[in-house]
Every structure is written in C-alpha cells, then in structure tokens.
Amino acid sequence: MNTAKFEYLLAIEKMGTITAAAEKCFVSASAVSQCLQKEEQEAGHRLFERKEGRMVPTRAGLIYLQTVKEMLEIHRETMDKLHVLDQGHGAVRLSVAPMLYEAVSQHILPKLNAKIPDRSFVMLRADSRTSTAYLLNDLADAAILASPPVNHALLAEEILGEDRLLLAVPKAYLRGKVQGEPRISDCSHIPFILLRRGAYTRSIENQILAANQISLDRIYEVDDRVMVKKFLEEGRGAAFLPHFMLPDEAEQHFFILSPEPPVKFNMILAYPAHRKKDKDIQRMERVVRETWKFLKIGLAVFGKV
C-alpha cells in the first residue's frame, strides 16, 4: 500500500499549511497540493478549509483523516509482523482477508493454539491480492481469501464457503425517487463505495455497474470490505457486501438489491501447491476446515477449486 498520500494529508492537519507539510515530508509544496486536490476530487468533498491563516479539516475531512489513521495503523501492524516473519522464528503464518480477520482470530486461532501448542501462529491481515503475493513469495504458509478463485498454477485452493454479493443502498438516497421496489439501475445518481482499483473483486463491481449503465463519476475507493461497511453505515453511498456482512436490521435502513444474475462470493483456503509442508501446517489446514463448518459465514461448501 502506498502510504505517502496519507502521510501528506496528516501532515497538513498537523502543520496547518501546505508549505509546512511539504517541508515535514521532504517533498515539494506542489506535490502536497496536487495530492490534496486529487483526494478531494475522489472524495467529492473539501477535506480542508482555511481559518485564521491555518488549514483545518472540514467535517468530511475529519471523517476521512480518522479513516486514514486507522488504515495506517493496520498497515504498520502488518509491516511489524512481516518483519518478525523475516527473522525466521519458525512461526506458522496465516494471511487472512480483513473481512474475515475478526472471525478467524476469535474462533480459529484459539483452536490452533490449543491443538498445536508446540508451534506459534502469526496472523497477517491482508487483502486477497496481497495474501496471494505472500504465498508466492514464501511470506505466508496459507491464506484465507475472500475473492473469486485465483486459479494460479502454483497455488492450491479449497472453497471453504460461499455467499452472495449484494448491493446495500441507504433508503434516504431513493426516497421519493422510485415507486415500488428499486433496481440497481435506479441508483445512477448515488455515490458508490467501491474497493480500490486492483482488488480482485473490484472488476466484479465494475461489471455490475456497467451492466446497469451506472458510471463511476461519484465513488469512494477503500482498501477492504471492513472499510466499505463502515462507509455504508456512515451513509456515504451504496456499497456491495456479502450477505453475512450486512449491518444489523439492514432492511430497516437500506434497500438490499441482488445483481442479476446473482454473484457468488467465495471464502477460500489457499496454500502453495507444490511446496513440501510440515506436519503442523497440514494440521493447521485441517483445523481451519473443521472449524469453518461451525462459523456463520456464508454457506459452507468445501471442495477443491
């Protein structure tokens, strides 16, 4: 993840001027200014305003900066863990999609520690594309992905479960604008919260919108579905989520629309296909399969891709 643009905006908040922020970040003032303009354009809101000679965050800017701080904290934690892994401590390394991280840490990690007490386990929080790179570069021993099958010749994949990808639309955006049940094509005037470009499922989101003749003029781009859900709950726009991630009592506050044809959403256990695995890694994979059956995350199906 390129964190430079986030550091620039946090520097503006701290220093109060673009010039001072640029000096703090050792870049030109024009680079910081261009970064701010681009982020404001993508967000669809002014992030800073000038008061008494200082640049201070707007209300939208405060929300944006809080999100940035959370993303940077997650990034730093991941880098710290990767540094530990690089030291060769012999831990079994499991990379997990952010939307599944909490469930895995609460339900699977304790079972791993209980059933394999002589081995330590390290969980990495990473999107499916990054997790795939970890597997291919020997930075992770296995990964739990939330994406379509990767279909890489060097990886084995097992589908743990599947769900449906749905569009949640805050009712306020469509109130008085449609009669009866809305369709996705009725949402052309609404901002959309999408995964960042390059994410495995972003292309699926783009295909659904294109099929419904919706342009990408007003979008927020975020790093993972946890952030997608947070932005949705803040009312920033419509968002694609798997069924199990929909907010509580979603039908009260959102229209829940299903793409046609329905879009499956997979949870996948992936690992290197030809690398010799030690006994503990094999046991870890078995614990993941067995425990997943009891998690209320989509429909457990199990099987080779």
Foldseek 3Di string as FASTA:
>chain_A
DDLLLLQLLVLLQVVFDLCRSCVVSVHHSVVSVVSQVVVCQQQVHRQWDDDPRGTHGDPVNVVVNVVSVVVVVLVVVQVVVLVVVVVPPQAAEEEEEPVCVVVCVVFQQVVLCVVVVVHHYDYRHDAPVVVVVCQVVVSHFKYKYWAPDPPDPFKWKKFFAKFWKKKWWFVVVCVPPDPDADAPLSFQPWEEEAEDPPHRCRVVVVVLCVVSVHDNSHYHYDHHVVVRQVCVVVVRTMYIDTPVPQDPVSVVGTRIYAGVPIDMITTMMMGGDPDDDDPSSVVSVVSCSVRSCPDPDHGGDIDID
